[in-house]
Structures are given as C-alpha cells and as structure tokens.
All heavy atoms as atom14 arrays in JSON, in Angstrom:
{
  "sequence": "DLKVHLVKLQTALQRLQELDGLRKELQAKQQQATQEIGEVREAGKLA",
  "atom14_mask": [
    [1, 1, 1, 1, 1, 1, 1, 1, 0, 0, 0, 0, 0, 0],
    [1, 1, 1, 1, 1, 1, 1, 1, 0, 0, 0, 0, 0, 0],
    [1, 1, 1, 1, 1, 1, 1, 1, 1, 0, 0, 0, 0, 0],
    [1, 1, 1, 1, 1, 1, 1, 0, 0, 0, 0, 0, 0, 0],
    [1, 1, 1, 1, 1, 1, 1, 1, 1, 1, 0, 0, 0, 0],
    [1, 1, 1, 1, 1, 1, 1, 1, 0, 0, 0, 0, 0, 0],
    [1, 1, 1, 1, 1, 1, 1, 0, 0, 0, 0, 0, 0, 0],
    [1, 1, 1, 1, 1, 1, 1, 1, 1, 0, 0, 0, 0, 0],
    [1, 1, 1, 1, 1, 1, 1, 1, 0, 0, 0, 0, 0, 0],
    [1, 1, 1, 1, 1, 1, 1, 1, 1, 0, 0, 0, 0, 0],
    [1, 1, 1, 1, 1, 1, 1, 0, 0, 0, 0, 0, 0, 0],
    [1, 1, 1, 1, 1, 0, 0, 0, 0, 0, 0, 0, 0, 0],
    [1, 1, 1, 1, 1, 1, 1, 1, 0, 0, 0, 0, 0, 0],
    [1, 1, 1, 1, 1, 1, 1, 1, 1, 0, 0, 0, 0, 0],
    [1, 1, 1, 1, 1, 1, 1, 1, 1, 1, 1, 0, 0, 0],
    [1, 1, 1, 1, 1, 1, 1, 1, 0, 0, 0, 0, 0, 0],
    [1, 1, 1, 1, 1, 1, 1, 1, 1, 0, 0, 0, 0, 0],
    [1, 1, 1, 1, 1, 1, 1, 1, 1, 0, 0, 0, 0, 0],
    [1, 1, 1, 1, 1, 1, 1, 1, 0, 0, 0, 0, 0, 0],
    [1, 1, 1, 1, 1, 1, 1, 1, 0, 0, 0, 0, 0, 0],
    [1, 1, 1, 1, 0, 0, 0, 0, 0, 0, 0, 0, 0, 0],
    [1, 1, 1, 1, 1, 1, 1, 1, 0, 0, 0, 0, 0, 0],
    [1, 1, 1, 1, 1, 1, 1, 1, 1, 1, 1, 0, 0, 0],
    [1, 1, 1, 1, 1, 1, 1, 1, 1, 0, 0, 0, 0, 0],
    [1, 1, 1, 1, 1, 1, 1, 1, 1, 0, 0, 0, 0, 0],
    [1, 1, 1, 1, 1, 1, 1, 1, 0, 0, 0, 0, 0, 0],
    [1, 1, 1, 1, 1, 1, 1, 1, 1, 0, 0, 0, 0, 0],
    [1, 1, 1, 1, 1, 0, 0, 0, 0, 0, 0, 0, 0, 0],
    [1, 1, 1, 1, 1, 1, 1, 1, 1, 0, 0, 0, 0, 0],
    [1, 1, 1, 1, 1, 1, 1, 1, 1, 0, 0, 0, 0, 0],
    [1, 1, 1, 1, 1, 1, 1, 1, 1, 0, 0, 0, 0, 0],
    [1, 1, 1, 1, 1, 1, 1, 1, 1, 0, 0, 0, 0, 0],
    [1, 1, 1, 1, 1, 0, 0, 0, 0, 0, 0, 0, 0, 0],
    [1, 1, 1, 1, 1, 1, 1, 0, 0, 0, 0, 0, 0, 0],
    [1, 1, 1, 1, 1, 1, 1, 1, 1, 0, 0, 0, 0, 0],
    [1, 1, 1, 1, 1, 1, 1, 1, 1, 0, 0, 0, 0, 0],
    [1, 1, 1, 1, 1, 1, 1, 1, 0, 0, 0, 0, 0, 0],
    [1, 1, 1, 1, 0, 0, 0, 0, 0, 0, 0, 0, 0, 0],
    [1, 1, 1, 1, 1, 1, 1, 1, 1, 0, 0, 0, 0, 0],
    [1, 1, 1, 1, 1, 1, 1, 0, 0, 0, 0, 0, 0, 0],
    [1, 1, 1, 1, 1, 1, 1, 1, 1, 1, 1, 0, 0, 0],
    [1, 1, 1, 1, 1, 1, 1, 1, 1, 0, 0, 0, 0, 0],
    [1, 1, 1, 1, 1, 0, 0, 0, 0, 0, 0, 0, 0, 0],
    [1, 1, 1, 1, 0, 0, 0, 0, 0, 0, 0, 0, 0, 0],
    [1, 1, 1, 1, 1, 1, 1, 1, 1, 0, 0, 0, 0, 0],
    [1, 1, 1, 1, 1, 1, 1, 1, 0, 0, 0, 0, 0, 0],
    [1, 1, 1, 1, 1, 0, 0, 0, 0, 0, 0, 0, 0, 0]
  ],
  "atom14_positions": [
    [[3.39, -48.38, 29.47], [2.99, -47.96, 28.12], [3.38, -46.53, 27.75], [2.9, -46.0, 26.75], [1.47, -48.12, 27.92], [0.99, -49.55, 28.06], [1.76, -50.47, 27.72], [-0.16, -49.74, 28.49], [0.0, 0.0, 0.0], [0.0, 0.0, 0.0], [0.0, 0.0, 0.0], [0.0, 0.0, 0.0], [0.0, 0.0, 0.0], [0.0, 0.0, 0.0]],
    [[4.2, -45.87, 28.5], [4.58, -44.49, 28.2], [5.4, -44.41, 26.91], [5.23, -43.47, 26.12], [5.36, -43.88, 29.36], [5.75, -42.4, 29.22], [4.49, -41.54, 29.05], [6.55, -41.95, 30.42], [0.0, 0.0, 0.0], [0.0, 0.0, 0.0], [0.0, 0.0, 0.0], [0.0, 0.0, 0.0], [0.0, 0.0, 0.0], [0.0, 0.0, 0.0]],
    [[6.24, -45.42, 26.68], [7.11, -45.42, 25.5], [6.29, -45.35, 24.21], [6.64, -44.64, 23.27], [8.02, -46.65, 25.51], [9.06, -46.6, 24.43], [10.09, -47.69, 24.61], [11.2, -47.45, 23.61], [12.39, -48.19, 23.94], [0.0, 0.0, 0.0], [0.0, 0.0, 0.0], [0.0, 0.0, 0.0], [0.0, 0.0, 0.0], [0.0, 0.0, 0.0]],
    [[5.17, -46.08, 24.16], [4.31, -46.07, 22.96], [3.82, -44.65, 22.68], [3.86, -44.19, 21.54], [3.09, -47.02, 23.17], [2.12, -46.91, 22.02], [3.57, -48.46, 23.34], [0.0, 0.0, 0.0], [0.0, 0.0, 0.0], [0.0, 0.0, 0.0], [0.0, 0.0, 0.0], [0.0, 0.0, 0.0], [0.0, 0.0, 0.0], [0.0, 0.0, 0.0]],
    [[3.41, -43.96, 23.7], [2.89, -42.6, 23.53], [4.01, -41.6, 23.21], [3.81, -40.66, 22.45], [2.11, -42.17, 24.78], [0.95, -43.06, 25.06], [-0.16, -43.13, 24.23], [0.72, -43.95, 26.06], [-1.02, -44.0, 24.72], [-0.5, -44.52, 25.84], [0.0, 0.0, 0.0], [0.0, 0.0, 0.0], [0.0, 0.0, 0.0], [0.0, 0.0, 0.0]],
    [[5.17, -41.85, 23.78], [6.32, -40.99, 23.47], [6.7, -41.12, 21.99], [7.01, -40.12, 21.33], [7.51, -41.34, 24.36], [7.4, -40.96, 25.84], [8.56, -41.54, 26.63], [7.34, -39.45, 25.99], [0.0, 0.0, 0.0], [0.0, 0.0, 0.0], [0.0, 0.0, 0.0], [0.0, 0.0, 0.0], [0.0, 0.0, 0.0], [0.0, 0.0, 0.0]],
    [[6.67, -42.34, 21.48], [6.98, -42.57, 20.06], [5.94, -41.87, 19.18], [6.29, -41.24, 18.18], [7.06, -44.09, 19.76], [7.12, -44.34, 18.26], [8.24, -44.71, 20.46], [0.0, 0.0, 0.0], [0.0, 0.0, 0.0], [0.0, 0.0, 0.0], [0.0, 0.0, 0.0], [0.0, 0.0, 0.0], [0.0, 0.0, 0.0], [0.0, 0.0, 0.0]],
    [[4.68, -41.96, 19.55], [3.61, -41.29, 18.79], [3.82, -39.77, 18.77], [3.71, -39.13, 17.73], [2.23, -41.59, 19.39], [1.72, -42.97, 19.13], [0.34, -43.13, 19.76], [-0.2, -44.53, 19.64], [-1.52, -44.68, 20.28], [0.0, 0.0, 0.0], [0.0, 0.0, 0.0], [0.0, 0.0, 0.0], [0.0, 0.0, 0.0], [0.0, 0.0, 0.0]],
    [[4.14, -39.21, 19.95], [4.35, -37.76, 20.02], [5.6, -37.35, 19.25], [5.6, -36.34, 18.55], [4.44, -37.29, 21.47], [4.55, -35.78, 21.67], [3.37, -35.05, 21.05], [4.68, -35.45, 23.15], [0.0, 0.0, 0.0], [0.0, 0.0, 0.0], [0.0, 0.0, 0.0], [0.0, 0.0, 0.0], [0.0, 0.0, 0.0], [0.0, 0.0, 0.0]],
    [[6.67, -38.15, 19.35], [7.9, -37.85, 18.6], [7.63, -37.88, 17.1], [8.08, -37.01, 16.37], [9.0, -38.87, 18.96], [10.33, -38.62, 18.26], [10.97, -37.3, 18.69], [10.98, -36.96, 19.86], [11.5, -36.58, 17.73], [0.0, 0.0, 0.0], [0.0, 0.0, 0.0], [0.0, 0.0, 0.0], [0.0, 0.0, 0.0], [0.0, 0.0, 0.0]],
    [[6.87, -38.87, 16.64], [6.51, -38.99, 15.23], [5.67, -37.78, 14.79], [5.9, -37.2, 13.72], [5.73, -40.29, 14.97], [6.53, -41.4, 15.41], [5.38, -40.46, 13.51], [0.0, 0.0, 0.0], [0.0, 0.0, 0.0], [0.0, 0.0, 0.0], [0.0, 0.0, 0.0], [0.0, 0.0, 0.0], [0.0, 0.0, 0.0], [0.0, 0.0, 0.0]],
    [[4.71, -37.41, 15.62], [3.85, -36.26, 15.31], [4.68, -34.98, 15.25], [4.5, -34.15, 14.35], [2.73, -36.13, 16.33], [0.0, 0.0, 0.0], [0.0, 0.0, 0.0], [0.0, 0.0, 0.0], [0.0, 0.0, 0.0], [0.0, 0.0, 0.0], [0.0, 0.0, 0.0], [0.0, 0.0, 0.0], [0.0, 0.0, 0.0], [0.0, 0.0, 0.0]],
    [[5.6, -34.81, 16.17], [6.45, -33.62, 16.2], [7.32, -33.54, 14.95], [7.42, -32.48, 14.31], [7.33, -33.61, 17.46], [8.3, -32.44, 17.59], [7.57, -31.11, 17.62], [9.17, -32.61, 18.84], [0.0, 0.0, 0.0], [0.0, 0.0, 0.0], [0.0, 0.0, 0.0], [0.0, 0.0, 0.0], [0.0, 0.0, 0.0], [0.0, 0.0, 0.0]],
    [[7.92, -34.65, 14.56], [8.76, -34.66, 13.36], [7.94, -34.34, 12.11], [8.37, -33.56, 11.27], [9.44, -36.02, 13.21], [10.55, -36.26, 14.2], [11.12, -37.67, 14.13], [10.53, -38.57, 13.53], [12.28, -37.87, 14.76], [0.0, 0.0, 0.0], [0.0, 0.0, 0.0], [0.0, 0.0, 0.0], [0.0, 0.0, 0.0], [0.0, 0.0, 0.0]],
    [[6.74, -34.94, 12.02], [5.89, -34.68, 10.85], [5.43, -33.22, 10.83], [5.39, -32.59, 9.77], [4.69, -35.63, 10.85], [3.8, -35.5, 9.66], [4.52, -35.86, 8.37], [3.62, -35.69, 7.24], [4.01, -35.3, 6.04], [5.29, -35.07, 5.8], [3.14, -35.15, 5.07], [0.0, 0.0, 0.0], [0.0, 0.0, 0.0], [0.0, 0.0, 0.0]],
    [[5.09, -32.69, 11.97], [4.66, -31.3, 12.06], [5.79, -30.35, 11.63], [5.56, -29.38, 10.91], [4.21, -30.99, 13.49], [3.44, -29.69, 13.71], [2.15, -29.67, 12.9], [3.12, -29.53, 15.19], [0.0, 0.0, 0.0], [0.0, 0.0, 0.0], [0.0, 0.0, 0.0], [0.0, 0.0, 0.0], [0.0, 0.0, 0.0], [0.0, 0.0, 0.0]],
    [[7.01, -30.67, 12.04], [8.16, -29.86, 11.63], [8.39, -29.94, 10.12], [8.7, -28.94, 9.47], [9.42, -30.3, 12.4], [9.38, -29.92, 13.86], [10.48, -30.55, 14.68], [11.0, -31.62, 14.34], [10.84, -29.91, 15.79], [0.0, 0.0, 0.0], [0.0, 0.0, 0.0], [0.0, 0.0, 0.0], [0.0, 0.0, 0.0], [0.0, 0.0, 0.0]],
    [[8.23, -31.14, 9.55], [8.37, -31.31, 8.1], [7.32, -30.49, 7.36], [7.62, -29.81, 6.37], [8.22, -32.78, 7.72], [9.35, -33.68, 8.16], [9.04, -35.16, 7.96], [7.95, -35.5, 7.43], [9.87, -35.99, 8.36], [0.0, 0.0, 0.0], [0.0, 0.0, 0.0], [0.0, 0.0, 0.0], [0.0, 0.0, 0.0], [0.0, 0.0, 0.0]],
    [[6.08, -30.57, 7.84], [4.99, -29.84, 7.18], [5.17, -28.33, 7.3], [4.88, -27.58, 6.36], [3.64, -30.26, 7.77], [3.2, -31.68, 7.43], [1.96, -32.06, 8.22], [2.96, -31.83, 5.93], [0.0, 0.0, 0.0], [0.0, 0.0, 0.0], [0.0, 0.0, 0.0], [0.0, 0.0, 0.0], [0.0, 0.0, 0.0], [0.0, 0.0, 0.0]],
    [[5.66, -27.88, 8.45], [5.93, -26.45, 8.62], [7.02, -26.0, 7.65], [6.91, -24.93, 7.04], [6.33, -26.16, 10.06], [6.47, -24.68, 10.34], [5.57, -23.9, 9.93], [7.49, -24.29, 10.96], [0.0, 0.0, 0.0], [0.0, 0.0, 0.0], [0.0, 0.0, 0.0], [0.0, 0.0, 0.0], [0.0, 0.0, 0.0], [0.0, 0.0, 0.0]],
    [[8.06, -26.82, 7.5], [9.11, -26.5, 6.53], [8.58, -26.46, 5.11], [8.92, -25.56, 4.33], [0.0, 0.0, 0.0], [0.0, 0.0, 0.0], [0.0, 0.0, 0.0], [0.0, 0.0, 0.0], [0.0, 0.0, 0.0], [0.0, 0.0, 0.0], [0.0, 0.0, 0.0], [0.0, 0.0, 0.0], [0.0, 0.0, 0.0], [0.0, 0.0, 0.0]],
    [[7.72, -27.43, 4.79], [7.12, -27.46, 3.45], [6.26, -26.22, 3.21], [6.32, -25.61, 2.15], [6.28, -28.73, 3.29], [5.5, -28.88, 1.98], [6.46, -28.93, 0.79], [4.63, -30.13, 2.03], [0.0, 0.0, 0.0], [0.0, 0.0, 0.0], [0.0, 0.0, 0.0], [0.0, 0.0, 0.0], [0.0, 0.0, 0.0], [0.0, 0.0, 0.0]],
    [[5.48, -25.85, 4.22], [4.62, -24.68, 4.09], [5.45, -23.43, 3.85], [5.13, -22.61, 2.99], [3.77, -24.51, 5.35], [2.79, -23.33, 5.24], [1.99, -23.17, 6.47], [2.89, -22.82, 7.58], [2.48, -22.57, 8.78], [1.2, -22.65, 9.08], [3.34, -22.24, 9.72], [0.0, 0.0, 0.0], [0.0, 0.0, 0.0], [0.0, 0.0, 0.0]],
    [[6.55, -23.26, 4.59], [7.42, -22.1, 4.4], [8.05, -22.1, 3.01], [8.17, -21.06, 2.37], [8.49, -22.06, 5.49], [7.92, -21.69, 6.85], [8.97, -21.75, 7.94], [8.36, -21.39, 9.29], [9.31, -21.56, 10.39], [0.0, 0.0, 0.0], [0.0, 0.0, 0.0], [0.0, 0.0, 0.0], [0.0, 0.0, 0.0], [0.0, 0.0, 0.0]],
    [[8.45, -23.28, 2.55], [9.03, -23.4, 1.2], [8.0, -23.02, 0.14], [8.3, -22.29, -0.81], [9.51, -24.83, 0.98], [10.11, -25.09, -0.38], [10.5, -26.55, -0.58], [10.73, -27.26, 0.42], [10.58, -26.97, -1.74], [0.0, 0.0, 0.0], [0.0, 0.0, 0.0], [0.0, 0.0, 0.0], [0.0, 0.0, 0.0], [0.0, 0.0, 0.0]],
    [[6.77, -23.49, 0.31], [5.72, -23.18, -0.66], [5.35, -21.69, -0.64], [5.06, -21.11, -1.68], [4.48, -24.04, -0.4], [4.65, -25.54, -0.67], [3.42, -26.31, -0.23], [4.96, -25.79, -2.14], [0.0, 0.0, 0.0], [0.0, 0.0, 0.0], [0.0, 0.0, 0.0], [0.0, 0.0, 0.0], [0.0, 0.0, 0.0], [0.0, 0.0, 0.0]],
    [[5.36, -21.09, 0.54], [5.1, -19.66, 0.63], [6.17, -18.87, -0.12], [5.86, -17.92, -0.83], [5.05, -19.2, 2.1], [3.78, -19.58, 2.81], [3.82, -19.22, 4.3], [4.89, -19.08, 4.89], [2.65, -19.09, 4.9], [0.0, 0.0, 0.0], [0.0, 0.0, 0.0], [0.0, 0.0, 0.0], [0.0, 0.0, 0.0], [0.0, 0.0, 0.0]],
    [[7.42, -19.29, 0.02], [8.51, -18.62, -0.69], [8.35, -18.79, -2.2], [8.53, -17.84, -2.96], [9.86, -19.17, -0.23], [0.0, 0.0, 0.0], [0.0, 0.0, 0.0], [0.0, 0.0, 0.0], [0.0, 0.0, 0.0], [0.0, 0.0, 0.0], [0.0, 0.0, 0.0], [0.0, 0.0, 0.0], [0.0, 0.0, 0.0], [0.0, 0.0, 0.0]],
    [[7.97, -20.0, -2.61], [7.76, -20.24, -4.05], [6.57, -19.44, -4.57], [6.6, -18.93, -5.69], [7.54, -21.74, -4.31], [8.8, -22.55, -4.2], [8.56, -24.01, -4.52], [9.84, -24.81, -4.42], [9.67, -26.2, -4.8], [0.0, 0.0, 0.0], [0.0, 0.0, 0.0], [0.0, 0.0, 0.0], [0.0, 0.0, 0.0], [0.0, 0.0, 0.0]],
    [[5.53, -19.32, -3.75], [4.36, -18.53, -4.17], [4.75, -17.07, -4.35], [4.35, -16.43, -5.32], [3.25, -18.66, -3.14], [2.01, -17.85, -3.52], [0.94, -17.89, -2.44], [1.21, -18.25, -1.3], [-0.27, -17.52, -2.8], [0.0, 0.0, 0.0], [0.0, 0.0, 0.0], [0.0, 0.0, 0.0], [0.0, 0.0, 0.0], [0.0, 0.0, 0.0]],
    [[5.53, -16.54, -3.42], [5.97, -15.15, -3.53], [6.83, -14.96, -4.78], [6.68, -13.96, -5.5], [6.76, -14.74, -2.28], [5.88, -14.58, -1.06], [6.69, -14.34, 0.21], [7.91, -14.5, 0.24], [6.0, -13.96, 1.27], [0.0, 0.0, 0.0], [0.0, 0.0, 0.0], [0.0, 0.0, 0.0], [0.0, 0.0, 0.0], [0.0, 0.0, 0.0]],
    [[7.71, -15.9, -5.05], [8.55, -15.83, -6.24], [7.7, -15.89, -7.5], [7.91, -15.12, -8.44], [9.58, -16.98, -6.24], [10.47, -17.02, -7.46], [11.4, -15.83, -7.55], [11.82, -15.28, -6.54], [11.72, -15.4, -8.75], [0.0, 0.0, 0.0], [0.0, 0.0, 0.0], [0.0, 0.0, 0.0], [0.0, 0.0, 0.0], [0.0, 0.0, 0.0]],
    [[6.72, -16.8, -7.53], [5.85, -16.93, -8.69], [5.04, -15.65, -8.9], [4.87, -15.19, -10.04], [4.92, -18.13, -8.53], [0.0, 0.0, 0.0], [0.0, 0.0, 0.0], [0.0, 0.0, 0.0], [0.0, 0.0, 0.0], [0.0, 0.0, 0.0], [0.0, 0.0, 0.0], [0.0, 0.0, 0.0], [0.0, 0.0, 0.0], [0.0, 0.0, 0.0]],
    [[4.55, -15.06, -7.82], [3.78, -13.83, -7.92], [4.64, -12.71, -8.5], [4.18, -11.94, -9.36], [3.24, -13.42, -6.54], [2.39, -14.47, -6.06], [2.46, -12.13, -6.6], [0.0, 0.0, 0.0], [0.0, 0.0, 0.0], [0.0, 0.0, 0.0], [0.0, 0.0, 0.0], [0.0, 0.0, 0.0], [0.0, 0.0, 0.0], [0.0, 0.0, 0.0]],
    [[5.87, -12.63, -8.06], [6.78, -11.62, -8.58], [7.05, -11.85, -10.07], [7.02, -10.91, -10.87], [8.09, -11.65, -7.8], [9.07, -10.57, -8.21], [10.35, -10.6, -7.37], [10.5, -11.42, -6.48], [11.26, -9.7, -7.65], [0.0, 0.0, 0.0], [0.0, 0.0, 0.0], [0.0, 0.0, 0.0], [0.0, 0.0, 0.0], [0.0, 0.0, 0.0]],
    [[7.29, -13.1, -10.46], [7.56, -13.4, -11.86], [6.33, -13.15, -12.72], [6.46, -12.7, -13.87], [8.03, -14.85, -12.01], [9.45, -15.08, -11.53], [9.95, -16.49, -11.79], [9.62, -17.07, -12.84], [10.66, -17.01, -10.91], [0.0, 0.0, 0.0], [0.0, 0.0, 0.0], [0.0, 0.0, 0.0], [0.0, 0.0, 0.0], [0.0, 0.0, 0.0]],
    [[5.15, -13.44, -12.2], [3.92, -13.17, -12.95], [3.84, -11.68, -13.28], [3.51, -11.3, -14.41], [2.67, -13.63, -12.15], [2.55, -15.15, -12.22], [1.39, -12.98, -12.67], [1.48, -15.73, -11.3], [0.0, 0.0, 0.0], [0.0, 0.0, 0.0], [0.0, 0.0, 0.0], [0.0, 0.0, 0.0], [0.0, 0.0, 0.0], [0.0, 0.0, 0.0]],
    [[4.12, -10.84, -12.3], [4.1, -9.4, -12.55], [5.09, -8.98, -13.62], [4.77, -8.17, -14.5], [0.0, 0.0, 0.0], [0.0, 0.0, 0.0], [0.0, 0.0, 0.0], [0.0, 0.0, 0.0], [0.0, 0.0, 0.0], [0.0, 0.0, 0.0], [0.0, 0.0, 0.0], [0.0, 0.0, 0.0], [0.0, 0.0, 0.0], [0.0, 0.0, 0.0]],
    [[6.29, -9.53, -13.57], [7.33, -9.2, -14.55], [6.93, -9.66, -15.95], [7.08, -8.92, -16.93], [8.66, -9.83, -14.15], [9.25, -9.23, -12.88], [10.41, -10.04, -12.33], [10.77, -11.09, -12.91], [10.97, -9.62, -11.28], [0.0, 0.0, 0.0], [0.0, 0.0, 0.0], [0.0, 0.0, 0.0], [0.0, 0.0, 0.0], [0.0, 0.0, 0.0]],
    [[6.4, -10.87, -16.06], [6.01, -11.42, -17.37], [4.82, -10.65, -17.93], [4.76, -10.36, -19.13], [5.72, -12.93, -17.26], [5.1, -13.47, -18.54], [7.01, -13.69, -16.94], [0.0, 0.0, 0.0], [0.0, 0.0, 0.0], [0.0, 0.0, 0.0], [0.0, 0.0, 0.0], [0.0, 0.0, 0.0], [0.0, 0.0, 0.0], [0.0, 0.0, 0.0]],
    [[3.87, -10.31, -17.07], [2.71, -9.53, -17.52], [3.15, -8.18, -18.07], [2.64, -7.71, -19.09], [1.71, -9.32, -16.39], [0.84, -10.51, -16.13], [-0.18, -10.23, -15.06], [-1.31, -9.52, -15.66], [-2.39, -9.18, -14.97], [-2.48, -9.47, -13.69], [-3.37, -8.55, -15.56], [0.0, 0.0, 0.0], [0.0, 0.0, 0.0], [0.0, 0.0, 0.0]],
    [[4.09, -7.54, -17.39], [4.58, -6.23, -17.84], [5.28, -6.36, -19.18], [5.06, -5.55, -20.09], [5.52, -5.63, -16.79], [5.88, -4.19, -17.05], [4.7, -3.24, -17.06], [3.71, -3.47, -16.34], [4.75, -2.24, -17.81], [0.0, 0.0, 0.0], [0.0, 0.0, 0.0], [0.0, 0.0, 0.0], [0.0, 0.0, 0.0], [0.0, 0.0, 0.0]],
    [[6.12, -7.39, -19.34], [6.81, -7.61, -20.62], [5.81, -7.91, -21.73], [5.93, -7.39, -22.85], [7.82, -8.75, -20.48], [0.0, 0.0, 0.0], [0.0, 0.0, 0.0], [0.0, 0.0, 0.0], [0.0, 0.0, 0.0], [0.0, 0.0, 0.0], [0.0, 0.0, 0.0], [0.0, 0.0, 0.0], [0.0, 0.0, 0.0], [0.0, 0.0, 0.0]],
    [[4.8, -8.72, -21.43], [3.78, -9.04, -22.42], [2.95, -7.82, -22.79], [2.58, -7.63, -23.96], [0.0, 0.0, 0.0], [0.0, 0.0, 0.0], [0.0, 0.0, 0.0], [0.0, 0.0, 0.0], [0.0, 0.0, 0.0], [0.0, 0.0, 0.0], [0.0, 0.0, 0.0], [0.0, 0.0, 0.0], [0.0, 0.0, 0.0], [0.0, 0.0, 0.0]],
    [[2.66, -6.99, -21.81], [1.89, -5.77, -22.06], [2.64, -4.86, -23.03], [2.05, -4.32, -23.97], [1.64, -5.05, -20.72], [0.85, -3.79, -20.82], [0.67, -3.19, -19.42], [0.0, -1.84, -19.47], [-0.13, -1.25, -18.12], [0.0, 0.0, 0.0], [0.0, 0.0, 0.0], [0.0, 0.0, 0.0], [0.0, 0.0, 0.0], [0.0, 0.0, 0.0]],
    [[3.95, -4.71, -22.8], [4.76, -3.88, -23.7], [4.81, -4.48, -25.11], [4.73, -3.75, -26.1], [6.17, -3.71, -23.14], [6.27, -2.88, -21.86], [7.7, -2.9, -21.32], [5.8, -1.46, -22.1], [0.0, 0.0, 0.0], [0.0, 0.0, 0.0], [0.0, 0.0, 0.0], [0.0, 0.0, 0.0], [0.0, 0.0, 0.0], [0.0, 0.0, 0.0]],
    [[4.92, -5.8, -25.2], [4.94, -6.46, -26.51], [3.61, -6.25, -27.24], [3.58, -5.99, -28.45], [5.24, -7.95, -26.36], [0.0, 0.0, 0.0], [0.0, 0.0, 0.0], [0.0, 0.0, 0.0], [0.0, 0.0, 0.0], [0.0, 0.0, 0.0], [0.0, 0.0, 0.0], [0.0, 0.0, 0.0], [0.0, 0.0, 0.0], [0.0, 0.0, 0.0]]
  ]
}
C-alpha cells in the first residue's frame, strides 16, 4: 500500500506548490494595488 500514500503525498505537494504560487501572486497584486491606491488618492486630493 505504499503507492497509495505516495500518490496522496505527491498530490498534496503539488497542491501546496500551487497555493504557494497563488499566495505570492496575490501578495504582488496587493502591493501593486496599494501603490496605485496611493497614487490615485494623491491625484484626487489635488483635484
């Protein structure tokens, strides 16, 4: 029965890698959004 557990661990590892990639992508998007919010607020303040 080792193969069954190996498949489970391989699946878990792949999903964990996908989620880590997603988290990094979302962090980058959050940083970009935060930067744009500051720029838009400054432009709106001047207007």
